Amino acid sequence: MNEKFFDIKKDKQNRIINAGLKVFAEHGYRHASTDEIVKEADISKGLLFHYFGSKIGTYTFLHEYSVRYMILEYNSYVSGKETDPFVIIAQIEQAKLEAMKSHPYMIAFLESCEREVVSEPLLATEESKNMLREVTYNLTENMNFSMIRKDCDVPKLLEIISYTIDGLRKKSFSEGSFQADMLYADIVTYLDMLRLLSCK
């Protein structure tokens, strides 16, 4: 992490971070442009390179920053003692949405990193990716599916939940109506419906 970057004012930090998250999330590493990042952040290209050195330096910083940020949010909102899968999923989504209040494109960026195919960013983020994967695995390992009906395919149910949440998030952005608290309320409503349909 570039400690010099954290000496600048918080609002400027967030402007630069959010610009980078948005551009990389929307275009992927290969097609993302540092020109677009500095335009979005309203800073000079020299300033961006002063803090991060290069495009890959910017990308790597954003990934490490996002992983650390999300781990803190998960630790704040996800109970290690909870076993109800619907509650755990709701807590995970609450943590994500709390992060998105300050950094709207953070989750989209992290998801785009998982789809990345260019070797340079893949190698640069391997360690932080593994860290986040381990944390997210630990969040879900206590899930107890004993309340799910026997005729309900659990992996498919989890896929349906994932697709539903992803669809709700994308819809809120495409409509220009993203508000974290409203989106969380919608997610909980759908989770409650799926609980009724799938549990004994």
N, C-alpha and C. Protein backbone atom coordinates (compact mmCIF):
# COMPACT_ATOMS: atom_id res chain seq x y z
N MET A 1 0.85 -1.20 0.00
CA MET A 1 0.00 0.00 0.00
C MET A 1 0.88 1.25 0.00
N ASN A 2 0.45 2.27 -0.72
CA ASN A 2 1.22 3.51 -0.83
C ASN A 2 0.83 4.45 0.30
N GLU A 3 1.65 4.53 1.34
CA GLU A 3 1.29 5.32 2.51
C GLU A 3 1.23 6.81 2.22
N LYS A 4 2.02 7.30 1.24
CA LYS A 4 1.99 8.73 0.90
C LYS A 4 0.60 9.16 0.45
N PHE A 5 -0.09 8.25 -0.21
CA PHE A 5 -1.42 8.57 -0.73
C PHE A 5 -2.37 8.94 0.40
N PHE A 6 -2.21 8.32 1.56
CA PHE A 6 -3.14 8.54 2.67
C PHE A 6 -2.84 9.83 3.43
N ASP A 7 -1.82 10.57 2.99
CA ASP A 7 -1.55 11.88 3.58
C ASP A 7 -2.40 12.99 2.96
N ILE A 8 -2.98 12.72 1.80
CA ILE A 8 -3.81 13.75 1.16
C ILE A 8 -5.21 13.74 1.78
N LYS A 9 -5.98 14.80 1.52
CA LYS A 9 -7.30 14.93 2.12
C LYS A 9 -8.21 13.76 1.75
N LYS A 10 -9.06 13.37 2.70
CA LYS A 10 -9.88 12.19 2.55
C LYS A 10 -10.80 12.28 1.34
N ASP A 11 -11.39 13.45 1.10
CA ASP A 11 -12.31 13.56 -0.03
C ASP A 11 -11.58 13.38 -1.36
N LYS A 12 -10.32 13.83 -1.42
CA LYS A 12 -9.53 13.64 -2.64
C LYS A 12 -9.12 12.18 -2.79
N GLN A 13 -8.77 11.54 -1.67
CA GLN A 13 -8.49 10.10 -1.72
C GLN A 13 -9.67 9.35 -2.32
N ASN A 14 -10.86 9.62 -1.78
CA ASN A 14 -12.05 8.90 -2.23
C ASN A 14 -12.36 9.19 -3.70
N ARG A 15 -12.11 10.42 -4.12
CA ARG A 15 -12.36 10.77 -5.52
C ARG A 15 -11.47 9.96 -6.45
N ILE A 16 -10.20 9.83 -6.07
CA ILE A 16 -9.24 9.06 -6.89
C ILE A 16 -9.58 7.57 -6.85
N ILE A 17 -9.84 7.06 -5.65
CA ILE A 17 -10.17 5.64 -5.50
C ILE A 17 -11.42 5.31 -6.29
N ASN A 18 -12.47 6.10 -6.14
CA ASN A 18 -13.73 5.81 -6.80
C ASN A 18 -13.63 5.92 -8.32
N ALA A 19 -12.81 6.86 -8.79
CA ALA A 19 -12.60 6.97 -10.23
C ALA A 19 -11.92 5.71 -10.77
N GLY A 20 -10.89 5.25 -10.07
CA GLY A 20 -10.18 4.04 -10.49
C GLY A 20 -11.06 2.80 -10.44
N LEU A 21 -11.80 2.66 -9.35
CA LEU A 21 -12.70 1.51 -9.22
C LEU A 21 -13.71 1.48 -10.36
N LYS A 22 -14.28 2.63 -10.67
CA LYS A 22 -15.30 2.71 -11.73
C LYS A 22 -14.72 2.35 -13.09
N VAL A 23 -13.60 2.96 -13.44
CA VAL A 23 -13.02 2.75 -14.77
C VAL A 23 -12.57 1.29 -14.96
N PHE A 24 -11.88 0.73 -13.96
CA PHE A 24 -11.44 -0.66 -14.07
C PHE A 24 -12.63 -1.63 -14.05
N ALA A 25 -13.65 -1.34 -13.24
CA ALA A 25 -14.83 -2.21 -13.18
C ALA A 25 -15.57 -2.22 -14.50
N GLU A 26 -15.67 -1.07 -15.13
CA GLU A 26 -16.46 -0.97 -16.37
C GLU A 26 -15.71 -1.47 -17.60
N HIS A 27 -14.37 -1.37 -17.60
CA HIS A 27 -13.62 -1.67 -18.82
C HIS A 27 -12.66 -2.84 -18.71
N GLY A 28 -12.40 -3.34 -17.48
CA GLY A 28 -11.37 -4.36 -17.33
C GLY A 28 -9.98 -3.74 -17.45
N TYR A 29 -8.96 -4.49 -17.07
CA TYR A 29 -7.62 -3.91 -17.04
C TYR A 29 -7.13 -3.49 -18.43
N ARG A 30 -7.30 -4.36 -19.41
CA ARG A 30 -6.74 -4.09 -20.74
C ARG A 30 -7.27 -2.79 -21.34
N HIS A 31 -8.57 -2.56 -21.20
CA HIS A 31 -9.20 -1.43 -21.88
C HIS A 31 -9.38 -0.20 -20.99
N ALA A 32 -9.05 -0.34 -19.72
CA ALA A 32 -9.12 0.82 -18.82
C ALA A 32 -8.01 1.80 -19.16
N SER A 33 -8.33 3.08 -19.08
CA SER A 33 -7.36 4.11 -19.44
C SER A 33 -7.06 5.00 -18.23
N THR A 34 -5.78 5.25 -17.99
CA THR A 34 -5.43 6.17 -16.90
C THR A 34 -5.91 7.58 -17.24
N ASP A 35 -6.02 7.91 -18.53
CA ASP A 35 -6.56 9.21 -18.93
C ASP A 35 -8.00 9.36 -18.43
N GLU A 36 -8.75 8.27 -18.56
CA GLU A 36 -10.15 8.31 -18.11
C GLU A 36 -10.24 8.39 -16.58
N ILE A 37 -9.31 7.72 -15.90
CA ILE A 37 -9.30 7.76 -14.43
C ILE A 37 -9.03 9.18 -13.95
N VAL A 38 -8.01 9.84 -14.52
CA VAL A 38 -7.68 11.19 -14.05
C VAL A 38 -8.78 12.19 -14.42
N LYS A 39 -9.43 11.96 -15.55
CA LYS A 39 -10.55 12.83 -15.93
C LYS A 39 -11.70 12.67 -14.95
N GLU A 40 -12.01 11.41 -14.61
CA GLU A 40 -13.10 11.12 -13.66
C GLU A 40 -12.77 11.68 -12.28
N ALA A 41 -11.50 11.60 -11.88
CA ALA A 41 -11.08 12.06 -10.55
C ALA A 41 -10.79 13.55 -10.51
N ASP A 42 -10.70 14.16 -11.68
CA ASP A 42 -10.38 15.60 -11.79
C ASP A 42 -9.01 15.90 -11.16
N ILE A 43 -8.01 15.11 -11.58
CA ILE A 43 -6.63 15.32 -11.14
C ILE A 43 -5.72 15.24 -12.36
N SER A 44 -4.45 15.56 -12.18
CA SER A 44 -3.49 15.45 -13.28
C SER A 44 -2.97 14.02 -13.36
N LYS A 45 -2.54 13.65 -14.56
CA LYS A 45 -1.96 12.32 -14.73
C LYS A 45 -0.67 12.20 -13.92
N GLY A 46 0.07 13.32 -13.83
CA GLY A 46 1.30 13.30 -13.05
C GLY A 46 1.06 12.98 -11.60
N LEU A 47 -0.07 13.46 -11.06
CA LEU A 47 -0.38 13.18 -9.66
C LEU A 47 -0.72 11.70 -9.46
N LEU A 48 -1.49 11.14 -10.40
CA LEU A 48 -1.81 9.71 -10.31
C LEU A 48 -0.55 8.87 -10.32
N PHE A 49 0.38 9.18 -11.23
CA PHE A 49 1.61 8.41 -11.34
C PHE A 49 2.57 8.71 -10.18
N HIS A 50 2.44 9.91 -9.59
CA HIS A 50 3.25 10.22 -8.41
C HIS A 50 2.95 9.24 -7.28
N TYR A 51 1.66 8.92 -7.12
CA TYR A 51 1.27 8.04 -6.02
C TYR A 51 1.36 6.56 -6.37
N PHE A 52 1.08 6.21 -7.63
CA PHE A 52 0.97 4.79 -7.96
C PHE A 52 1.96 4.31 -9.02
N GLY A 53 2.68 5.22 -9.65
CA GLY A 53 3.75 4.84 -10.56
C GLY A 53 3.34 4.48 -11.97
N SER A 54 2.20 3.78 -12.10
CA SER A 54 1.81 3.26 -13.41
C SER A 54 0.36 2.77 -13.34
N LYS A 55 -0.12 2.31 -14.47
CA LYS A 55 -1.47 1.72 -14.53
C LYS A 55 -1.55 0.48 -13.65
N ILE A 56 -0.55 -0.40 -13.74
CA ILE A 56 -0.58 -1.62 -12.92
C ILE A 56 -0.43 -1.28 -11.44
N GLY A 57 0.34 -0.23 -11.15
CA GLY A 57 0.47 0.20 -9.76
C GLY A 57 -0.85 0.70 -9.20
N THR A 58 -1.60 1.42 -10.03
CA THR A 58 -2.92 1.92 -9.62
C THR A 58 -3.87 0.76 -9.39
N TYR A 59 -3.89 -0.18 -10.32
CA TYR A 59 -4.77 -1.35 -10.22
C TYR A 59 -4.46 -2.17 -8.98
N THR A 60 -3.18 -2.42 -8.75
CA THR A 60 -2.77 -3.22 -7.61
C THR A 60 -3.15 -2.54 -6.29
N PHE A 61 -2.90 -1.23 -6.22
CA PHE A 61 -3.28 -0.48 -5.02
C PHE A 61 -4.78 -0.59 -4.78
N LEU A 62 -5.58 -0.39 -5.82
CA LEU A 62 -7.04 -0.44 -5.67
C LEU A 62 -7.51 -1.81 -5.20
N HIS A 63 -6.87 -2.86 -5.71
CA HIS A 63 -7.28 -4.20 -5.30
C HIS A 63 -6.93 -4.46 -3.84
N GLU A 64 -5.71 -4.12 -3.45
CA GLU A 64 -5.30 -4.34 -2.06
C GLU A 64 -6.15 -3.49 -1.11
N TYR A 65 -6.41 -2.25 -1.50
CA TYR A 65 -7.25 -1.36 -0.69
C TYR A 65 -8.65 -1.95 -0.54
N SER A 66 -9.23 -2.41 -1.64
CA SER A 66 -10.59 -2.95 -1.62
C SER A 66 -10.67 -4.21 -0.77
N VAL A 67 -9.68 -5.07 -0.87
CA VAL A 67 -9.68 -6.31 -0.08
C VAL A 67 -9.62 -5.97 1.41
N ARG A 68 -8.73 -5.09 1.80
CA ARG A 68 -8.62 -4.71 3.22
C ARG A 68 -9.91 -4.04 3.71
N TYR A 69 -10.47 -3.21 2.87
CA TYR A 69 -11.71 -2.51 3.22
C TYR A 69 -12.84 -3.51 3.44
N MET A 70 -12.95 -4.47 2.52
CA MET A 70 -14.03 -5.45 2.63
C MET A 70 -13.84 -6.38 3.83
N ILE A 71 -12.63 -6.74 4.14
CA ILE A 71 -12.39 -7.59 5.30
C ILE A 71 -12.84 -6.89 6.58
N LEU A 72 -12.57 -5.60 6.67
CA LEU A 72 -13.03 -4.82 7.83
C LEU A 72 -14.56 -4.80 7.91
N GLU A 73 -15.21 -4.62 6.76
CA GLU A 73 -16.67 -4.59 6.73
C GLU A 73 -17.25 -5.97 7.10
N TYR A 74 -16.67 -7.02 6.57
CA TYR A 74 -17.14 -8.37 6.91
C TYR A 74 -17.00 -8.63 8.41
N ASN A 75 -15.87 -8.22 8.97
CA ASN A 75 -15.66 -8.42 10.41
C ASN A 75 -16.66 -7.63 11.25
N SER A 76 -17.14 -6.51 10.70
CA SER A 76 -18.10 -5.68 11.43
C SER A 76 -19.53 -6.20 11.34
N TYR A 77 -19.89 -6.82 10.20
CA TYR A 77 -21.30 -7.13 9.97
C TYR A 77 -21.66 -8.61 9.95
N VAL A 78 -20.68 -9.49 9.80
CA VAL A 78 -20.98 -10.92 9.68
C VAL A 78 -20.60 -11.63 10.97
N SER A 79 -21.60 -12.27 11.57
CA SER A 79 -21.38 -12.98 12.83
C SER A 79 -20.73 -14.34 12.57
N GLY A 80 -19.64 -14.60 13.27
CA GLY A 80 -18.98 -15.90 13.13
C GLY A 80 -19.74 -17.03 13.79
N LYS A 81 -20.77 -16.69 14.60
CA LYS A 81 -21.54 -17.73 15.30
C LYS A 81 -22.84 -18.08 14.58
N GLU A 82 -23.22 -17.28 13.58
CA GLU A 82 -24.48 -17.52 12.86
C GLU A 82 -24.37 -18.75 11.98
N THR A 83 -25.45 -19.55 11.90
CA THR A 83 -25.45 -20.74 11.04
C THR A 83 -26.56 -20.70 9.99
N ASP A 84 -27.56 -19.85 10.17
CA ASP A 84 -28.65 -19.75 9.21
C ASP A 84 -28.12 -19.16 7.90
N PRO A 85 -28.18 -19.91 6.79
CA PRO A 85 -27.58 -19.42 5.55
C PRO A 85 -28.22 -18.12 5.04
N PHE A 86 -29.51 -17.96 5.24
CA PHE A 86 -30.19 -16.74 4.78
C PHE A 86 -29.73 -15.52 5.58
N VAL A 87 -29.52 -15.71 6.86
CA VAL A 87 -29.04 -14.62 7.71
C VAL A 87 -27.59 -14.27 7.34
N ILE A 88 -26.77 -15.29 7.14
CA ILE A 88 -25.37 -15.06 6.78
C ILE A 88 -25.27 -14.31 5.46
N ILE A 89 -26.06 -14.73 4.48
CA ILE A 89 -26.05 -14.06 3.17
C ILE A 89 -26.49 -12.61 3.32
N ALA A 90 -27.52 -12.37 4.13
CA ALA A 90 -27.99 -10.99 4.36
C ALA A 90 -26.89 -10.16 5.02
N GLN A 91 -26.16 -10.75 5.98
CA GLN A 91 -25.08 -10.03 6.65
C GLN A 91 -23.94 -9.71 5.68
N ILE A 92 -23.61 -10.66 4.81
CA ILE A 92 -22.57 -10.44 3.81
C ILE A 92 -22.97 -9.30 2.88
N GLU A 93 -24.23 -9.31 2.45
CA GLU A 93 -24.69 -8.24 1.56
C GLU A 93 -24.73 -6.89 2.28
N GLN A 94 -25.06 -6.91 3.55
CA GLN A 94 -25.04 -5.65 4.32
C GLN A 94 -23.63 -5.08 4.37
N ALA A 95 -22.64 -5.96 4.57
CA ALA A 95 -21.24 -5.51 4.59
C ALA A 95 -20.84 -4.91 3.25
N LYS A 96 -21.23 -5.57 2.17
CA LYS A 96 -20.92 -5.05 0.84
C LYS A 96 -21.56 -3.69 0.60
N LEU A 97 -22.81 -3.56 1.00
CA LEU A 97 -23.52 -2.31 0.76
C LEU A 97 -23.00 -1.18 1.64
N GLU A 98 -22.52 -1.50 2.82
CA GLU A 98 -21.88 -0.47 3.65
C GLU A 98 -20.62 0.04 2.95
N ALA A 99 -19.86 -0.87 2.35
CA ALA A 99 -18.68 -0.45 1.59
C ALA A 99 -19.08 0.43 0.41
N MET A 100 -20.18 0.07 -0.23
CA MET A 100 -20.61 0.79 -1.43
C MET A 100 -21.17 2.19 -1.11
N LYS A 101 -21.48 2.46 0.14
CA LYS A 101 -21.89 3.82 0.50
C LYS A 101 -20.76 4.82 0.26
N SER A 102 -19.54 4.40 0.53
CA SER A 102 -18.37 5.25 0.29
C SER A 102 -17.75 5.00 -1.08
N HIS A 103 -17.82 3.73 -1.53
CA HIS A 103 -17.16 3.32 -2.77
C HIS A 103 -18.15 2.51 -3.62
N PRO A 104 -19.03 3.19 -4.36
CA PRO A 104 -20.11 2.50 -5.09
C PRO A 104 -19.66 1.39 -6.04
N TYR A 105 -18.45 1.50 -6.59
CA TYR A 105 -18.00 0.52 -7.58
C TYR A 105 -17.05 -0.53 -7.00
N MET A 106 -16.90 -0.57 -5.68
CA MET A 106 -15.92 -1.49 -5.10
C MET A 106 -16.27 -2.95 -5.38
N ILE A 107 -17.51 -3.34 -5.19
CA ILE A 107 -17.89 -4.74 -5.41
C ILE A 107 -17.79 -5.10 -6.89
N ALA A 108 -18.26 -4.21 -7.76
CA ALA A 108 -18.15 -4.46 -9.20
C ALA A 108 -16.69 -4.59 -9.62
N PHE A 109 -15.81 -3.79 -9.02
CA PHE A 109 -14.39 -3.87 -9.32
C PHE A 109 -13.82 -5.22 -8.88
N LEU A 110 -14.11 -5.63 -7.65
CA LEU A 110 -13.60 -6.91 -7.16
C LEU A 110 -14.11 -8.07 -7.99
N GLU A 111 -15.36 -7.99 -8.42
CA GLU A 111 -15.92 -9.05 -9.27
C GLU A 111 -15.25 -9.05 -10.64
N SER A 112 -14.95 -7.88 -11.17
CA SER A 112 -14.27 -7.81 -12.47
C SER A 112 -12.85 -8.36 -12.37
N CYS A 113 -12.22 -8.18 -11.20
CA CYS A 113 -10.88 -8.73 -10.99
C CYS A 113 -10.88 -10.25 -11.06
N GLU A 114 -11.96 -10.86 -10.59
CA GLU A 114 -12.06 -12.32 -10.64
C GLU A 114 -12.22 -12.83 -12.07
N ARG A 115 -12.70 -11.96 -12.97
CA ARG A 115 -12.88 -12.35 -14.37
C ARG A 115 -11.67 -11.94 -15.23
N GLU A 116 -10.71 -11.27 -14.64
CA GLU A 116 -9.57 -10.73 -15.38
C GLU A 116 -8.75 -11.85 -16.02
N VAL A 117 -8.29 -11.62 -17.25
CA VAL A 117 -7.52 -12.64 -17.97
C VAL A 117 -6.11 -12.16 -18.33
N VAL A 118 -5.83 -10.88 -18.19
CA VAL A 118 -4.50 -10.35 -18.52
C VAL A 118 -3.52 -10.79 -17.44
N SER A 119 -2.36 -11.30 -17.85
CA SER A 119 -1.43 -11.93 -16.90
C SER A 119 -0.85 -10.95 -15.88
N GLU A 120 -0.53 -9.72 -16.29
CA GLU A 120 0.12 -8.77 -15.38
C GLU A 120 -0.74 -8.47 -14.15
N PRO A 121 -2.01 -8.06 -14.31
CA PRO A 121 -2.83 -7.84 -13.12
C PRO A 121 -3.16 -9.11 -12.36
N LEU A 122 -3.24 -10.24 -13.07
CA LEU A 122 -3.48 -11.51 -12.39
C LEU A 122 -2.36 -11.82 -11.40
N LEU A 123 -1.13 -11.67 -11.85
CA LEU A 123 0.02 -11.94 -10.98
C LEU A 123 0.13 -10.91 -9.87
N ALA A 124 -0.16 -9.65 -10.18
CA ALA A 124 -0.01 -8.57 -9.20
C ALA A 124 -1.01 -8.67 -8.05
N THR A 125 -2.15 -9.28 -8.31
CA THR A 125 -3.21 -9.33 -7.29
C THR A 125 -3.42 -10.72 -6.71
N GLU A 126 -2.57 -11.66 -7.07
CA GLU A 126 -2.78 -13.05 -6.64
C GLU A 126 -2.85 -13.19 -5.11
N GLU A 127 -1.94 -12.53 -4.41
CA GLU A 127 -1.90 -12.66 -2.96
C GLU A 127 -3.15 -12.07 -2.30
N SER A 128 -3.54 -10.87 -2.72
CA SER A 128 -4.72 -10.24 -2.11
C SER A 128 -6.00 -10.97 -2.50
N LYS A 129 -6.05 -11.55 -3.71
CA LYS A 129 -7.22 -12.35 -4.10
C LYS A 129 -7.35 -13.57 -3.19
N ASN A 130 -6.26 -14.25 -2.96
CA ASN A 130 -6.29 -15.43 -2.10
C ASN A 130 -6.72 -15.07 -0.68
N MET A 131 -6.28 -13.91 -0.21
CA MET A 131 -6.68 -13.45 1.12
C MET A 131 -8.19 -13.26 1.20
N LEU A 132 -8.76 -12.59 0.19
CA LEU A 132 -10.20 -12.35 0.18
C LEU A 132 -10.99 -13.64 0.02
N ARG A 133 -10.50 -14.55 -0.82
CA ARG A 133 -11.19 -15.84 -1.00
C ARG A 133 -11.23 -16.62 0.31
N GLU A 134 -10.13 -16.61 1.05
CA GLU A 134 -10.09 -17.32 2.32
C GLU A 134 -11.08 -16.73 3.32
N VAL A 135 -11.14 -15.40 3.37
CA VAL A 135 -12.07 -14.73 4.28
C VAL A 135 -13.50 -15.04 3.90
N THR A 136 -13.84 -14.95 2.62
CA THR A 136 -15.22 -15.19 2.20
C THR A 136 -15.61 -16.66 2.40
N TYR A 137 -14.65 -17.56 2.23
CA TYR A 137 -14.93 -18.97 2.51
C TYR A 137 -15.26 -19.16 3.99
N ASN A 138 -14.49 -18.52 4.85
CA ASN A 138 -14.72 -18.64 6.29
C ASN A 138 -16.07 -18.07 6.70
N LEU A 139 -16.56 -17.07 5.96
CA LEU A 139 -17.86 -16.48 6.29
C LEU A 139 -19.00 -17.47 6.09
N THR A 140 -18.82 -18.38 5.14
CA THR A 140 -19.92 -19.28 4.76
C THR A 140 -19.76 -20.72 5.25
N GLU A 141 -18.62 -21.04 5.86
CA GLU A 141 -18.37 -22.44 6.19
C GLU A 141 -19.29 -22.98 7.30
N ASN A 142 -19.89 -22.08 8.11
CA ASN A 142 -20.77 -22.54 9.18
C ASN A 142 -22.24 -22.65 8.76
N MET A 143 -22.52 -22.42 7.49
CA MET A 143 -23.91 -22.48 7.04
C MET A 143 -24.50 -23.87 7.27
N ASN A 144 -25.67 -23.90 7.89
CA ASN A 144 -26.37 -25.15 8.17
C ASN A 144 -27.63 -25.20 7.31
N PHE A 145 -27.69 -26.15 6.39
CA PHE A 145 -28.80 -26.22 5.44
C PHE A 145 -29.86 -27.24 5.84
N SER A 146 -29.87 -27.61 7.12
CA SER A 146 -30.81 -28.66 7.55
C SER A 146 -32.27 -28.24 7.44
N MET A 147 -32.53 -26.93 7.39
CA MET A 147 -33.91 -26.48 7.29
C MET A 147 -34.43 -26.48 5.85
N ILE A 148 -33.52 -26.70 4.88
CA ILE A 148 -33.92 -26.71 3.48
C ILE A 148 -34.64 -28.03 3.15
N ARG A 149 -35.73 -27.93 2.40
CA ARG A 149 -36.48 -29.13 2.01
C ARG A 149 -35.59 -30.08 1.21
N LYS A 150 -35.83 -31.38 1.37
CA LYS A 150 -34.99 -32.38 0.71
C LYS A 150 -35.13 -32.34 -0.81
N ASP A 151 -36.26 -31.85 -1.30
CA ASP A 151 -36.44 -31.80 -2.75
C ASP A 151 -35.88 -30.51 -3.36
N CYS A 152 -35.20 -29.72 -2.53
CA CYS A 152 -34.61 -28.46 -2.99
C CYS A 152 -33.11 -28.64 -3.16
N ASP A 153 -32.61 -28.37 -4.35
CA ASP A 153 -31.18 -28.49 -4.66
C ASP A 153 -30.45 -27.28 -4.08
N VAL A 154 -29.64 -27.51 -3.04
CA VAL A 154 -28.99 -26.40 -2.34
C VAL A 154 -28.04 -25.60 -3.24
N PRO A 155 -27.15 -26.25 -4.01
CA PRO A 155 -26.28 -25.46 -4.90
C PRO A 155 -27.06 -24.58 -5.87
N LYS A 156 -28.16 -25.12 -6.41
CA LYS A 156 -28.97 -24.31 -7.33
C LYS A 156 -29.67 -23.18 -6.59
N LEU A 157 -30.11 -23.44 -5.36
CA LEU A 157 -30.73 -22.39 -4.55
C LEU A 157 -29.74 -21.25 -4.32
N LEU A 158 -28.50 -21.60 -4.00
CA LEU A 158 -27.47 -20.58 -3.78
C LEU A 158 -27.18 -19.80 -5.07
N GLU A 159 -27.24 -20.49 -6.20
CA GLU A 159 -27.07 -19.81 -7.49
C GLU A 159 -28.20 -18.83 -7.74
N ILE A 160 -29.43 -19.26 -7.44
CA ILE A 160 -30.59 -18.38 -7.62
C ILE A 160 -30.44 -17.13 -6.75
N ILE A 161 -30.01 -17.33 -5.50
CA ILE A 161 -29.81 -16.20 -4.59
C ILE A 161 -28.76 -15.25 -5.15
N SER A 162 -27.64 -15.82 -5.63
CA SER A 162 -26.55 -15.00 -6.17
C SER A 162 -27.02 -14.21 -7.39
N TYR A 163 -27.72 -14.89 -8.31
CA TYR A 163 -28.21 -14.20 -9.52
C TYR A 163 -29.22 -13.11 -9.16
N THR A 164 -30.05 -13.38 -8.17
CA THR A 164 -31.06 -12.39 -7.75
C THR A 164 -30.39 -11.14 -7.19
N ILE A 165 -29.44 -11.34 -6.29
CA ILE A 165 -28.75 -10.20 -5.67
C ILE A 165 -27.97 -9.41 -6.72
N ASP A 166 -27.28 -10.14 -7.60
CA ASP A 166 -26.52 -9.48 -8.66
C ASP A 166 -27.45 -8.68 -9.57
N GLY A 167 -28.60 -9.25 -9.89
CA GLY A 167 -29.57 -8.56 -10.74
C GLY A 167 -30.14 -7.32 -10.09
N LEU A 168 -30.43 -7.41 -8.80
CA LEU A 168 -30.95 -6.24 -8.08
C LEU A 168 -29.92 -5.12 -8.05
N ARG A 169 -28.66 -5.48 -7.82
CA ARG A 169 -27.61 -4.47 -7.77
C ARG A 169 -27.43 -3.80 -9.12
N LYS A 170 -27.37 -4.61 -10.19
CA LYS A 170 -27.19 -4.05 -11.53
C LYS A 170 -28.38 -3.18 -11.93
N LYS A 171 -29.57 -3.60 -11.54
CA LYS A 171 -30.77 -2.81 -11.87
C LYS A 171 -30.71 -1.44 -11.20
N SER A 172 -30.28 -1.41 -9.94
CA SER A 172 -30.25 -0.13 -9.22
C SER A 172 -29.25 0.83 -9.85
N PHE A 173 -28.15 0.30 -10.41
CA PHE A 173 -27.16 1.16 -11.07
C PHE A 173 -27.66 1.58 -12.45
N SER A 174 -28.24 0.64 -13.20
CA SER A 174 -28.67 0.97 -14.57
C SER A 174 -29.80 1.99 -14.56
N GLU A 175 -30.62 1.97 -13.51
CA GLU A 175 -31.72 2.92 -13.40
C GLU A 175 -31.29 4.23 -12.75
N GLY A 176 -30.02 4.28 -12.30
CA GLY A 176 -29.53 5.48 -11.64
C GLY A 176 -30.18 5.72 -10.29
N SER A 177 -30.65 4.63 -9.67
CA SER A 177 -31.39 4.77 -8.41
C SER A 177 -30.69 4.12 -7.23
N PHE A 178 -29.36 3.88 -7.35
CA PHE A 178 -28.67 3.16 -6.28
C PHE A 178 -28.71 3.93 -4.96
N GLN A 179 -29.30 3.28 -3.97
CA GLN A 179 -29.23 3.73 -2.59
C GLN A 179 -29.03 2.48 -1.75
N ALA A 180 -27.93 2.43 -1.02
CA ALA A 180 -27.52 1.21 -0.33
C ALA A 180 -28.62 0.65 0.58
N ASP A 181 -29.25 1.51 1.38
CA ASP A 181 -30.25 1.03 2.34
C ASP A 181 -31.48 0.47 1.64
N MET A 182 -31.89 1.12 0.54
CA MET A 182 -33.05 0.63 -0.22
C MET A 182 -32.73 -0.70 -0.90
N LEU A 183 -31.52 -0.81 -1.44
CA LEU A 183 -31.13 -2.06 -2.08
C LEU A 183 -31.05 -3.18 -1.05
N TYR A 184 -30.53 -2.90 0.13
CA TYR A 184 -30.46 -3.92 1.18
C TYR A 184 -31.86 -4.39 1.56
N ALA A 185 -32.81 -3.47 1.67
CA ALA A 185 -34.19 -3.83 2.00
C ALA A 185 -34.78 -4.74 0.92
N ASP A 186 -34.49 -4.44 -0.35
CA ASP A 186 -34.97 -5.29 -1.45
C ASP A 186 -34.36 -6.69 -1.37
N ILE A 187 -33.06 -6.75 -1.09
CA ILE A 187 -32.37 -8.04 -1.00
C ILE A 187 -32.98 -8.89 0.12
N VAL A 188 -33.22 -8.28 1.27
CA VAL A 188 -33.81 -9.01 2.40
C VAL A 188 -35.21 -9.51 2.04
N THR A 189 -35.98 -8.71 1.32
CA THR A 189 -37.33 -9.13 0.90
C THR A 189 -37.25 -10.37 0.02
N TYR A 190 -36.33 -10.38 -0.93
CA TYR A 190 -36.18 -11.54 -1.81
C TYR A 190 -35.66 -12.76 -1.04
N LEU A 191 -34.75 -12.54 -0.11
CA LEU A 191 -34.24 -13.66 0.70
C LEU A 191 -35.37 -14.27 1.53
N ASP A 192 -36.23 -13.43 2.08
CA ASP A 192 -37.37 -13.94 2.86
C ASP A 192 -38.30 -14.76 1.98
N MET A 193 -38.54 -14.30 0.75
CA MET A 193 -39.39 -15.05 -0.17
C MET A 193 -38.78 -16.40 -0.50
N LEU A 194 -37.47 -16.42 -0.77
CA LEU A 194 -36.79 -17.67 -1.11
C LEU A 194 -36.74 -18.61 0.09
N ARG A 195 -36.65 -18.06 1.29
CA ARG A 195 -36.70 -18.89 2.49
C ARG A 195 -38.05 -19.60 2.58
N LEU A 196 -39.13 -18.87 2.35
CA LEU A 196 -40.47 -19.46 2.40
C LEU A 196 -40.64 -20.57 1.39
N LEU A 197 -40.05 -20.38 0.20
CA LEU A 197 -40.21 -21.36 -0.88
C LEU A 197 -39.35 -22.60 -0.70
N SER A 198 -38.24 -22.47 0.02
CA SER A 198 -37.26 -23.56 0.05
C SER A 198 -37.15 -24.28 1.39
N CYS A 199 -37.71 -23.72 2.44
CA CYS A 199 -37.54 -24.33 3.76
C CYS A 199 -38.73 -25.16 4.16
N LYS A 200 -38.50 -26.05 5.11
CA LYS A 200 -39.55 -26.98 5.59
C LYS A 200 -40.66 -26.21 6.29
